Amino acid sequence: MYHRRKSTKGFKRVTDSVVLKTVGLIKDPPPKPFNNWKDYLTKSKEPPKPYRSWLEFRIFLGPLKNVDYEPYKIPYTVVEKKNYIPDGVLGDYLFEVKGRFRTREEMNKYIHVRNSISEDMELIFILQSRNTSLPGAAKRKDGTRRCIEDWLQENEFRYTYESELVYFMRELKKEIKGKK
């Protein structure tokens, strides 16, 4: 098993699963000063470019390897005009890979994006894990907190999990074929 030393700050834990998912999928040599991809995966703080997170890296080199990564910007309007760059696009489907929401403003951004895209397009979330709390979510009487899934369901966004993405993409491709 590959992992960081507990006393070393800044290095992340890389499990056998991460190594198996990524090593061998990359043809180029690792960036300097790393000699091999295993060293890079265990010692690098940042994911390989152009990815913004290790979650995106795993997903776009694995189940979404045939999906364009951040292919273009989609303008959306709040008070001022801004641009949204989807993490992935497959036809009329926009993919947003999320580990968590950091702020309420970030959550509201996706409502504005949905209102700014054509009716034929759909924004689909790929979540890293289940029941991740929303920012500022208070404990409920049963001890749980309001989570990302609650918000996505209330706002009628479709979502799946990283662990279920292969099955989800298979079903989505059937759905796309049915539309044609």
N, C-alpha and C. Protein backbone atom coordinates (compact mmCIF):
# COMPACT_ATOMS: atom_id res chain seq x y z
N MET A 1 0.85 -1.18 0.00
CA MET A 1 0.00 0.00 0.00
C MET A 1 0.89 1.23 0.00
N TYR A 2 0.49 2.25 -0.78
CA TYR A 2 1.25 3.49 -0.89
C TYR A 2 0.55 4.57 -0.08
N HIS A 3 1.26 5.20 0.82
CA HIS A 3 0.65 6.29 1.60
C HIS A 3 1.75 7.19 2.14
N ARG A 4 1.31 8.35 2.60
CA ARG A 4 2.27 9.31 3.12
C ARG A 4 2.62 8.96 4.57
N ARG A 5 3.75 9.47 5.00
CA ARG A 5 4.11 9.33 6.41
C ARG A 5 3.20 10.26 7.20
N LYS A 6 2.75 9.82 8.35
CA LYS A 6 1.82 10.61 9.15
C LYS A 6 2.38 11.96 9.57
N SER A 7 3.68 12.05 9.74
CA SER A 7 4.26 13.30 10.24
C SER A 7 4.55 14.31 9.12
N THR A 8 4.45 13.91 7.86
CA THR A 8 4.79 14.80 6.76
C THR A 8 3.57 15.63 6.37
N LYS A 9 3.66 16.94 6.54
CA LYS A 9 2.54 17.80 6.18
C LYS A 9 2.51 18.04 4.68
N GLY A 10 1.31 18.19 4.13
CA GLY A 10 1.18 18.57 2.73
C GLY A 10 1.04 17.40 1.78
N PHE A 11 1.51 16.21 2.14
CA PHE A 11 1.36 15.07 1.25
C PHE A 11 0.00 14.43 1.51
N LYS A 12 -0.60 13.90 0.45
CA LYS A 12 -1.90 13.27 0.62
C LYS A 12 -1.76 11.76 0.62
N ARG A 13 -2.75 11.11 1.12
CA ARG A 13 -2.75 9.65 1.17
C ARG A 13 -3.16 9.12 -0.19
N VAL A 14 -2.37 8.23 -0.74
CA VAL A 14 -2.69 7.60 -2.01
C VAL A 14 -2.81 6.11 -1.76
N THR A 15 -3.99 5.58 -1.96
CA THR A 15 -4.22 4.17 -1.72
C THR A 15 -3.86 3.36 -2.96
N ASP A 16 -3.81 2.04 -2.80
CA ASP A 16 -3.57 1.15 -3.93
C ASP A 16 -4.60 1.41 -5.02
N SER A 17 -5.83 1.69 -4.61
CA SER A 17 -6.91 1.92 -5.57
C SER A 17 -6.59 3.10 -6.48
N VAL A 18 -6.10 4.20 -5.91
CA VAL A 18 -5.77 5.38 -6.71
C VAL A 18 -4.63 5.06 -7.66
N VAL A 19 -3.62 4.36 -7.16
CA VAL A 19 -2.49 4.01 -8.01
C VAL A 19 -2.95 3.12 -9.16
N LEU A 20 -3.76 2.12 -8.86
CA LEU A 20 -4.24 1.21 -9.90
C LEU A 20 -5.11 1.92 -10.92
N LYS A 21 -5.87 2.91 -10.47
CA LYS A 21 -6.75 3.64 -11.39
C LYS A 21 -5.96 4.57 -12.30
N THR A 22 -4.80 5.02 -11.87
CA THR A 22 -4.11 6.05 -12.63
C THR A 22 -2.81 5.58 -13.28
N VAL A 23 -2.02 4.78 -12.59
CA VAL A 23 -0.75 4.34 -13.16
C VAL A 23 -1.05 3.46 -14.38
N GLY A 24 -0.38 3.74 -15.45
CA GLY A 24 -0.61 2.97 -16.67
C GLY A 24 -1.58 3.64 -17.61
N LEU A 25 -2.40 4.56 -17.09
CA LEU A 25 -3.33 5.28 -17.94
C LEU A 25 -2.66 6.49 -18.56
N ILE A 26 -1.52 6.90 -18.00
CA ILE A 26 -0.84 8.10 -18.47
C ILE A 26 0.38 7.67 -19.27
N LYS A 27 0.47 8.15 -20.50
CA LYS A 27 1.58 7.76 -21.38
C LYS A 27 2.80 8.67 -21.21
N ASP A 28 2.60 9.93 -20.87
CA ASP A 28 3.71 10.88 -20.74
C ASP A 28 4.49 10.63 -19.46
N PRO A 29 5.76 11.07 -19.41
CA PRO A 29 6.53 10.94 -18.16
C PRO A 29 5.99 11.91 -17.12
N PRO A 30 6.20 11.62 -15.85
CA PRO A 30 5.70 12.52 -14.80
C PRO A 30 6.48 13.83 -14.80
N PRO A 31 5.89 14.89 -14.24
CA PRO A 31 6.61 16.17 -14.18
C PRO A 31 7.83 16.07 -13.28
N LYS A 32 8.80 16.95 -13.54
CA LYS A 32 10.01 17.01 -12.70
C LYS A 32 9.61 17.50 -11.32
N PRO A 33 10.18 17.10 -10.25
CA PRO A 33 11.37 16.27 -10.07
C PRO A 33 11.04 14.79 -9.87
N PHE A 34 9.82 14.34 -10.22
CA PHE A 34 9.41 12.97 -9.94
C PHE A 34 9.96 12.01 -11.00
N ASN A 35 10.45 10.87 -10.54
CA ASN A 35 11.04 9.87 -11.44
C ASN A 35 10.01 8.94 -12.04
N ASN A 36 8.93 8.70 -11.30
CA ASN A 36 7.89 7.80 -11.80
C ASN A 36 6.53 8.27 -11.31
N TRP A 37 5.47 7.70 -11.88
CA TRP A 37 4.11 8.14 -11.54
C TRP A 37 3.73 7.77 -10.11
N LYS A 38 4.27 6.69 -9.59
CA LYS A 38 3.94 6.32 -8.21
C LYS A 38 4.44 7.39 -7.25
N ASP A 39 5.69 7.88 -7.47
CA ASP A 39 6.21 8.97 -6.63
C ASP A 39 5.35 10.22 -6.78
N TYR A 40 4.98 10.53 -8.01
CA TYR A 40 4.15 11.71 -8.25
C TYR A 40 2.83 11.60 -7.49
N LEU A 41 2.19 10.44 -7.59
CA LEU A 41 0.88 10.26 -6.96
C LEU A 41 0.95 10.29 -5.45
N THR A 42 2.07 9.86 -4.87
CA THR A 42 2.17 9.84 -3.42
C THR A 42 2.73 11.12 -2.82
N LYS A 43 3.53 11.88 -3.62
CA LYS A 43 4.21 13.03 -3.05
C LYS A 43 3.73 14.39 -3.57
N SER A 44 3.01 14.39 -4.66
CA SER A 44 2.57 15.67 -5.23
C SER A 44 1.36 16.20 -4.47
N LYS A 45 1.38 17.50 -4.19
CA LYS A 45 0.23 18.14 -3.55
C LYS A 45 -0.86 18.45 -4.57
N GLU A 46 -0.45 18.76 -5.78
CA GLU A 46 -1.37 19.19 -6.83
C GLU A 46 -1.64 18.06 -7.82
N PRO A 47 -2.87 17.99 -8.35
CA PRO A 47 -3.17 16.98 -9.38
C PRO A 47 -2.51 17.37 -10.70
N PRO A 48 -2.36 16.44 -11.63
CA PRO A 48 -1.77 16.77 -12.93
C PRO A 48 -2.61 17.80 -13.66
N LYS A 49 -1.96 18.68 -14.40
CA LYS A 49 -2.67 19.66 -15.20
C LYS A 49 -3.33 18.95 -16.36
N PRO A 50 -4.49 19.33 -16.81
CA PRO A 50 -5.24 20.53 -16.49
C PRO A 50 -6.24 20.34 -15.36
N TYR A 51 -6.23 19.19 -14.70
CA TYR A 51 -7.26 18.90 -13.70
C TYR A 51 -7.10 19.77 -12.46
N ARG A 52 -8.24 20.09 -11.85
CA ARG A 52 -8.23 20.98 -10.69
C ARG A 52 -8.29 20.23 -9.37
N SER A 53 -8.58 18.93 -9.43
CA SER A 53 -8.63 18.12 -8.21
C SER A 53 -8.26 16.69 -8.56
N TRP A 54 -7.89 15.93 -7.52
CA TRP A 54 -7.58 14.52 -7.74
C TRP A 54 -8.84 13.75 -8.12
N LEU A 55 -10.01 14.18 -7.64
CA LEU A 55 -11.28 13.55 -8.01
C LEU A 55 -11.50 13.68 -9.52
N GLU A 56 -11.34 14.89 -10.07
CA GLU A 56 -11.49 15.09 -11.51
C GLU A 56 -10.47 14.24 -12.27
N PHE A 57 -9.24 14.21 -11.80
CA PHE A 57 -8.18 13.42 -12.43
C PHE A 57 -8.61 11.95 -12.55
N ARG A 58 -9.08 11.35 -11.44
CA ARG A 58 -9.50 9.94 -11.46
C ARG A 58 -10.67 9.72 -12.40
N ILE A 59 -11.65 10.62 -12.34
CA ILE A 59 -12.87 10.43 -13.14
C ILE A 59 -12.59 10.60 -14.63
N PHE A 60 -11.81 11.61 -15.01
CA PHE A 60 -11.59 11.86 -16.44
C PHE A 60 -10.50 10.97 -17.04
N LEU A 61 -9.76 10.23 -16.23
CA LEU A 61 -8.86 9.21 -16.77
C LEU A 61 -9.48 7.83 -16.65
N GLY A 62 -10.61 7.76 -15.96
CA GLY A 62 -11.31 6.49 -15.80
C GLY A 62 -12.63 6.48 -16.55
N PRO A 63 -13.75 6.49 -15.82
CA PRO A 63 -15.06 6.34 -16.46
C PRO A 63 -15.40 7.40 -17.51
N LEU A 64 -14.87 8.62 -17.38
CA LEU A 64 -15.19 9.67 -18.35
C LEU A 64 -14.03 9.96 -19.30
N LYS A 65 -13.19 8.95 -19.56
CA LYS A 65 -11.99 9.20 -20.38
C LYS A 65 -12.33 9.62 -21.81
N ASN A 66 -13.53 9.34 -22.30
CA ASN A 66 -13.92 9.74 -23.65
C ASN A 66 -14.77 11.02 -23.66
N VAL A 67 -14.87 11.68 -22.51
CA VAL A 67 -15.64 12.92 -22.40
C VAL A 67 -14.67 14.09 -22.41
N ASP A 68 -14.96 15.12 -23.18
CA ASP A 68 -14.09 16.30 -23.24
C ASP A 68 -14.04 16.96 -21.88
N TYR A 69 -12.83 17.31 -21.43
CA TYR A 69 -12.65 17.97 -20.14
C TYR A 69 -12.61 19.48 -20.35
N GLU A 70 -13.50 20.18 -19.67
CA GLU A 70 -13.61 21.64 -19.73
C GLU A 70 -13.43 22.18 -21.15
N PRO A 71 -14.29 21.75 -22.09
CA PRO A 71 -14.08 22.11 -23.49
C PRO A 71 -14.41 23.56 -23.84
N TYR A 72 -15.33 24.16 -23.10
CA TYR A 72 -15.66 25.56 -23.40
C TYR A 72 -16.35 26.20 -22.22
N LYS A 73 -16.48 27.52 -22.30
CA LYS A 73 -17.12 28.31 -21.25
C LYS A 73 -18.58 28.54 -21.62
N ILE A 74 -19.44 28.54 -20.60
CA ILE A 74 -20.85 28.85 -20.79
C ILE A 74 -21.15 30.10 -19.97
N PRO A 75 -21.49 31.19 -20.64
CA PRO A 75 -21.80 32.40 -19.88
C PRO A 75 -23.09 32.24 -19.08
N TYR A 76 -23.10 32.75 -17.90
CA TYR A 76 -24.32 32.80 -17.09
C TYR A 76 -24.36 34.13 -16.38
N THR A 77 -25.56 34.54 -16.00
CA THR A 77 -25.73 35.87 -15.45
C THR A 77 -26.25 35.81 -14.03
N VAL A 78 -25.63 36.56 -13.15
CA VAL A 78 -26.13 36.75 -11.79
C VAL A 78 -26.52 38.22 -11.75
N VAL A 79 -25.68 39.06 -11.25
CA VAL A 79 -25.87 40.49 -11.34
C VAL A 79 -24.98 41.01 -12.47
N GLU A 80 -23.88 40.37 -12.61
CA GLU A 80 -22.96 40.69 -13.69
C GLU A 80 -22.76 39.41 -14.50
N LYS A 81 -22.32 39.56 -15.71
CA LYS A 81 -22.12 38.40 -16.56
C LYS A 81 -20.84 37.69 -16.17
N LYS A 82 -20.94 36.38 -16.00
CA LYS A 82 -19.80 35.56 -15.64
C LYS A 82 -19.76 34.37 -16.60
N ASN A 83 -18.70 33.62 -16.53
CA ASN A 83 -18.58 32.42 -17.36
C ASN A 83 -18.53 31.19 -16.47
N TYR A 84 -19.17 30.15 -16.93
CA TYR A 84 -19.13 28.85 -16.28
C TYR A 84 -18.40 27.89 -17.21
N ILE A 85 -17.46 27.16 -16.68
CA ILE A 85 -16.74 26.15 -17.47
C ILE A 85 -17.14 24.78 -16.92
N PRO A 86 -17.94 24.02 -17.67
CA PRO A 86 -18.31 22.69 -17.16
C PRO A 86 -17.07 21.80 -17.11
N ASP A 87 -17.05 20.88 -16.16
CA ASP A 87 -15.92 19.96 -16.06
C ASP A 87 -15.88 19.02 -17.26
N GLY A 88 -17.04 18.66 -17.77
CA GLY A 88 -17.11 17.77 -18.93
C GLY A 88 -18.38 18.01 -19.71
N VAL A 89 -18.33 17.68 -21.00
CA VAL A 89 -19.50 17.84 -21.87
C VAL A 89 -19.61 16.61 -22.76
N LEU A 90 -20.80 16.05 -22.81
CA LEU A 90 -21.11 14.96 -23.72
C LEU A 90 -22.43 15.31 -24.38
N GLY A 91 -22.37 15.78 -25.62
CA GLY A 91 -23.58 16.23 -26.31
C GLY A 91 -24.21 17.39 -25.57
N ASP A 92 -25.45 17.22 -25.15
CA ASP A 92 -26.18 18.27 -24.42
C ASP A 92 -26.06 18.11 -22.91
N TYR A 93 -25.18 17.23 -22.45
CA TYR A 93 -25.04 16.99 -21.03
C TYR A 93 -23.75 17.63 -20.52
N LEU A 94 -23.89 18.44 -19.48
CA LEU A 94 -22.76 19.11 -18.84
C LEU A 94 -22.49 18.36 -17.53
N PHE A 95 -21.22 18.07 -17.25
CA PHE A 95 -20.87 17.35 -16.03
C PHE A 95 -20.10 18.27 -15.10
N GLU A 96 -20.50 18.26 -13.83
CA GLU A 96 -19.82 19.01 -12.79
C GLU A 96 -19.39 18.01 -11.72
N VAL A 97 -18.08 17.88 -11.52
CA VAL A 97 -17.53 16.96 -10.54
C VAL A 97 -17.38 17.72 -9.22
N LYS A 98 -17.97 17.19 -8.14
CA LYS A 98 -17.99 17.91 -6.87
C LYS A 98 -17.59 17.01 -5.71
N GLY A 99 -16.65 17.50 -4.93
CA GLY A 99 -16.33 16.87 -3.66
C GLY A 99 -17.24 17.46 -2.58
N ARG A 100 -17.39 18.78 -2.64
CA ARG A 100 -18.27 19.49 -1.69
C ARG A 100 -18.54 20.89 -2.22
N PHE A 101 -19.54 21.54 -1.63
CA PHE A 101 -19.78 22.96 -1.89
C PHE A 101 -19.05 23.73 -0.80
N ARG A 102 -18.36 24.79 -1.19
CA ARG A 102 -17.64 25.59 -0.20
C ARG A 102 -18.49 26.71 0.37
N THR A 103 -19.37 27.30 -0.48
CA THR A 103 -20.18 28.44 -0.03
C THR A 103 -21.59 28.35 -0.60
N ARG A 104 -22.49 29.12 -0.03
CA ARG A 104 -23.85 29.24 -0.56
C ARG A 104 -23.83 29.87 -1.95
N GLU A 105 -22.93 30.83 -2.15
CA GLU A 105 -22.82 31.48 -3.46
C GLU A 105 -22.48 30.47 -4.55
N GLU A 106 -21.60 29.53 -4.22
CA GLU A 106 -21.25 28.48 -5.18
C GLU A 106 -22.49 27.64 -5.52
N MET A 107 -23.29 27.34 -4.52
CA MET A 107 -24.51 26.56 -4.76
C MET A 107 -25.46 27.33 -5.67
N ASN A 108 -25.63 28.61 -5.39
CA ASN A 108 -26.54 29.43 -6.19
C ASN A 108 -26.06 29.58 -7.63
N LYS A 109 -24.74 29.52 -7.83
CA LYS A 109 -24.19 29.63 -9.18
C LYS A 109 -24.81 28.60 -10.11
N TYR A 110 -25.01 27.38 -9.62
CA TYR A 110 -25.53 26.32 -10.48
C TYR A 110 -26.99 26.54 -10.85
N ILE A 111 -27.74 27.22 -10.01
CA ILE A 111 -29.11 27.59 -10.36
C ILE A 111 -29.06 28.59 -11.52
N HIS A 112 -28.17 29.58 -11.40
CA HIS A 112 -28.02 30.59 -12.46
C HIS A 112 -27.53 29.97 -13.77
N VAL A 113 -26.60 29.02 -13.65
CA VAL A 113 -26.11 28.35 -14.86
C VAL A 113 -27.24 27.61 -15.54
N ARG A 114 -28.01 26.85 -14.77
CA ARG A 114 -29.13 26.11 -15.36
C ARG A 114 -30.10 27.05 -16.05
N ASN A 115 -30.35 28.20 -15.47
CA ASN A 115 -31.27 29.17 -16.07
C ASN A 115 -30.68 29.83 -17.31
N SER A 116 -29.35 29.74 -17.48
CA SER A 116 -28.68 30.40 -18.60
C SER A 116 -28.41 29.47 -19.79
N ILE A 117 -28.52 28.18 -19.58
CA ILE A 117 -28.25 27.25 -20.68
C ILE A 117 -29.55 26.93 -21.41
N SER A 118 -29.44 26.37 -22.59
CA SER A 118 -30.63 26.04 -23.37
C SER A 118 -31.42 24.94 -22.67
N GLU A 119 -32.71 24.87 -22.99
CA GLU A 119 -33.58 23.87 -22.37
C GLU A 119 -33.19 22.45 -22.74
N ASP A 120 -32.48 22.28 -23.85
CA ASP A 120 -32.04 20.96 -24.29
C ASP A 120 -30.86 20.44 -23.48
N MET A 121 -30.17 21.34 -22.78
CA MET A 121 -28.98 20.95 -22.04
C MET A 121 -29.34 20.59 -20.60
N GLU A 122 -28.52 19.72 -20.01
CA GLU A 122 -28.74 19.33 -18.62
C GLU A 122 -27.41 19.32 -17.89
N LEU A 123 -27.42 19.86 -16.68
CA LEU A 123 -26.25 19.87 -15.81
C LEU A 123 -26.37 18.69 -14.85
N ILE A 124 -25.39 17.78 -14.90
CA ILE A 124 -25.40 16.58 -14.06
C ILE A 124 -24.19 16.64 -13.12
N PHE A 125 -24.43 16.37 -11.85
CA PHE A 125 -23.37 16.39 -10.85
C PHE A 125 -22.83 14.99 -10.61
N ILE A 126 -21.51 14.90 -10.48
CA ILE A 126 -20.84 13.66 -10.11
C ILE A 126 -20.22 13.92 -8.74
N LEU A 127 -20.75 13.26 -7.72
CA LEU A 127 -20.33 13.51 -6.35
C LEU A 127 -19.27 12.52 -5.91
N GLN A 128 -18.32 13.00 -5.13
CA GLN A 128 -17.24 12.15 -4.65
C GLN A 128 -17.75 11.13 -3.64
N SER A 129 -18.61 11.57 -2.73
CA SER A 129 -19.10 10.65 -1.70
C SER A 129 -20.51 11.02 -1.28
N ARG A 130 -21.12 10.16 -0.52
CA ARG A 130 -22.50 10.35 -0.07
C ARG A 130 -22.56 11.22 1.19
N ASN A 131 -23.68 11.93 1.31
CA ASN A 131 -24.02 12.66 2.53
C ASN A 131 -22.98 13.67 2.99
N THR A 132 -22.38 14.38 2.05
CA THR A 132 -21.45 15.45 2.40
C THR A 132 -22.27 16.67 2.81
N SER A 133 -22.00 17.19 3.98
CA SER A 133 -22.79 18.31 4.52
C SER A 133 -22.63 19.57 3.68
N LEU A 134 -23.70 20.34 3.64
CA LEU A 134 -23.66 21.65 2.99
C LEU A 134 -22.97 22.65 3.91
N PRO A 135 -22.42 23.73 3.36
CA PRO A 135 -21.75 24.72 4.21
C PRO A 135 -22.75 25.34 5.19
N GLY A 136 -22.37 25.37 6.45
CA GLY A 136 -23.20 25.98 7.48
C GLY A 136 -24.41 25.16 7.89
N ALA A 137 -24.48 23.89 7.47
CA ALA A 137 -25.65 23.06 7.80
C ALA A 137 -25.65 22.71 9.29
N ALA A 138 -26.75 23.03 9.95
CA ALA A 138 -26.90 22.72 11.37
C ALA A 138 -27.31 21.26 11.55
N LYS A 139 -27.01 20.72 12.72
CA LYS A 139 -27.42 19.35 13.02
C LYS A 139 -28.93 19.28 13.17
N ARG A 140 -29.50 18.21 12.62
CA ARG A 140 -30.93 17.95 12.78
C ARG A 140 -31.14 17.18 14.08
N LYS A 141 -32.38 16.98 14.43
CA LYS A 141 -32.69 16.24 15.66
C LYS A 141 -32.15 14.82 15.61
N ASP A 142 -32.13 14.24 14.40
CA ASP A 142 -31.63 12.87 14.29
C ASP A 142 -30.10 12.80 14.19
N GLY A 143 -29.42 13.95 14.30
CA GLY A 143 -27.96 13.99 14.28
C GLY A 143 -27.35 14.18 12.90
N THR A 144 -28.16 14.11 11.86
CA THR A 144 -27.64 14.31 10.50
C THR A 144 -27.63 15.80 10.17
N ARG A 145 -27.01 16.13 9.06
CA ARG A 145 -26.98 17.50 8.56
C ARG A 145 -27.53 17.50 7.14
N ARG A 146 -28.04 18.64 6.71
CA ARG A 146 -28.49 18.78 5.32
C ARG A 146 -27.28 18.57 4.42
N CYS A 147 -27.45 17.74 3.39
CA CYS A 147 -26.31 17.37 2.56
C CYS A 147 -26.52 17.78 1.10
N ILE A 148 -25.47 17.58 0.31
CA ILE A 148 -25.50 17.96 -1.11
C ILE A 148 -26.68 17.30 -1.81
N GLU A 149 -26.91 16.02 -1.56
CA GLU A 149 -28.00 15.32 -2.23
C GLU A 149 -29.35 15.97 -1.95
N ASP A 150 -29.56 16.42 -0.70
CA ASP A 150 -30.82 17.11 -0.35
C ASP A 150 -31.00 18.34 -1.25
N TRP A 151 -29.94 19.14 -1.37
CA TRP A 151 -30.00 20.36 -2.16
C TRP A 151 -30.23 20.05 -3.63
N LEU A 152 -29.52 19.05 -4.15
CA LEU A 152 -29.66 18.70 -5.57
C LEU A 152 -31.08 18.21 -5.87
N GLN A 153 -31.65 17.41 -4.99
CA GLN A 153 -33.02 16.93 -5.18
C GLN A 153 -34.02 18.07 -5.10
N GLU A 154 -33.87 18.95 -4.13
CA GLU A 154 -34.78 20.09 -3.99
C GLU A 154 -34.74 20.99 -5.22
N ASN A 155 -33.58 21.08 -5.85
CA ASN A 155 -33.41 21.95 -7.02
C ASN A 155 -33.48 21.19 -8.35
N GLU A 156 -33.88 19.93 -8.26
CA GLU A 156 -34.14 19.08 -9.43
C GLU A 156 -32.94 18.93 -10.36
N PHE A 157 -31.77 18.71 -9.77
CA PHE A 157 -30.56 18.38 -10.53
C PHE A 157 -30.38 16.87 -10.47
N ARG A 158 -29.96 16.29 -11.58
CA ARG A 158 -29.63 14.87 -11.59
C ARG A 158 -28.19 14.73 -11.09
N TYR A 159 -27.92 13.62 -10.39
CA TYR A 159 -26.57 13.40 -9.86
C TYR A 159 -26.29 11.91 -9.76
N THR A 160 -25.01 11.60 -9.67
CA THR A 160 -24.55 10.24 -9.42
C THR A 160 -23.30 10.35 -8.56
N TYR A 161 -22.75 9.20 -8.22
CA TYR A 161 -21.54 9.18 -7.40
C TYR A 161 -20.38 8.63 -8.21
N GLU A 162 -19.18 9.02 -7.83
CA GLU A 162 -17.98 8.51 -8.50
C GLU A 162 -18.01 6.99 -8.56
N SER A 163 -18.43 6.35 -7.47
CA SER A 163 -18.43 4.88 -7.40
C SER A 163 -19.47 4.24 -8.32
N GLU A 164 -20.47 5.00 -8.78
CA GLU A 164 -21.53 4.46 -9.64
C GLU A 164 -21.47 5.03 -11.05
N LEU A 165 -20.40 5.73 -11.37
CA LEU A 165 -20.34 6.47 -12.62
C LEU A 165 -20.33 5.59 -13.87
N VAL A 166 -19.67 4.46 -13.82
CA VAL A 166 -19.62 3.57 -14.99
C VAL A 166 -21.03 3.13 -15.35
N TYR A 167 -21.80 2.68 -14.36
CA TYR A 167 -23.18 2.26 -14.61
C TYR A 167 -24.02 3.45 -15.09
N PHE A 168 -23.88 4.61 -14.46
CA PHE A 168 -24.64 5.79 -14.83
C PHE A 168 -24.38 6.18 -16.29
N MET A 169 -23.11 6.16 -16.69
CA MET A 169 -22.76 6.54 -18.07
C MET A 169 -23.33 5.55 -19.08
N ARG A 170 -23.36 4.27 -18.72
CA ARG A 170 -23.96 3.26 -19.59
C ARG A 170 -25.44 3.59 -19.82
N GLU A 171 -26.15 3.92 -18.76
CA GLU A 171 -27.58 4.26 -18.86
C GLU A 171 -27.78 5.58 -19.61
N LEU A 172 -26.91 6.55 -19.38
CA LEU A 172 -27.02 7.84 -20.05
C LEU A 172 -26.83 7.68 -21.56
N LYS A 173 -25.88 6.85 -21.95
CA LYS A 173 -25.65 6.61 -23.38
C LYS A 173 -26.87 5.95 -24.02
N LYS A 174 -27.54 5.06 -23.30
CA LYS A 174 -28.80 4.46 -23.81
C LYS A 174 -29.85 5.55 -23.97
N GLU A 175 -29.93 6.45 -22.99
CA GLU A 175 -30.88 7.56 -23.03
C GLU A 175 -30.61 8.46 -24.25
N ILE A 176 -29.33 8.73 -24.50
CA ILE A 176 -28.95 9.57 -25.65
C ILE A 176 -29.36 8.90 -26.96
N LYS A 177 -29.09 7.60 -27.07
CA LYS A 177 -29.47 6.85 -28.28
C LYS A 177 -30.98 6.87 -28.48
N GLY A 178 -31.74 6.81 -27.39
CA GLY A 178 -33.21 6.82 -27.46
C GLY A 178 -33.76 8.15 -27.96
N LYS A 179 -33.01 9.24 -27.74
CA LYS A 179 -33.46 10.57 -28.17
C LYS A 179 -33.30 10.75 -29.68
N LYS A 180 -32.37 10.00 -30.27
CA LYS A 180 -32.06 10.19 -31.69
C LYS A 180 -33.10 9.58 -32.59
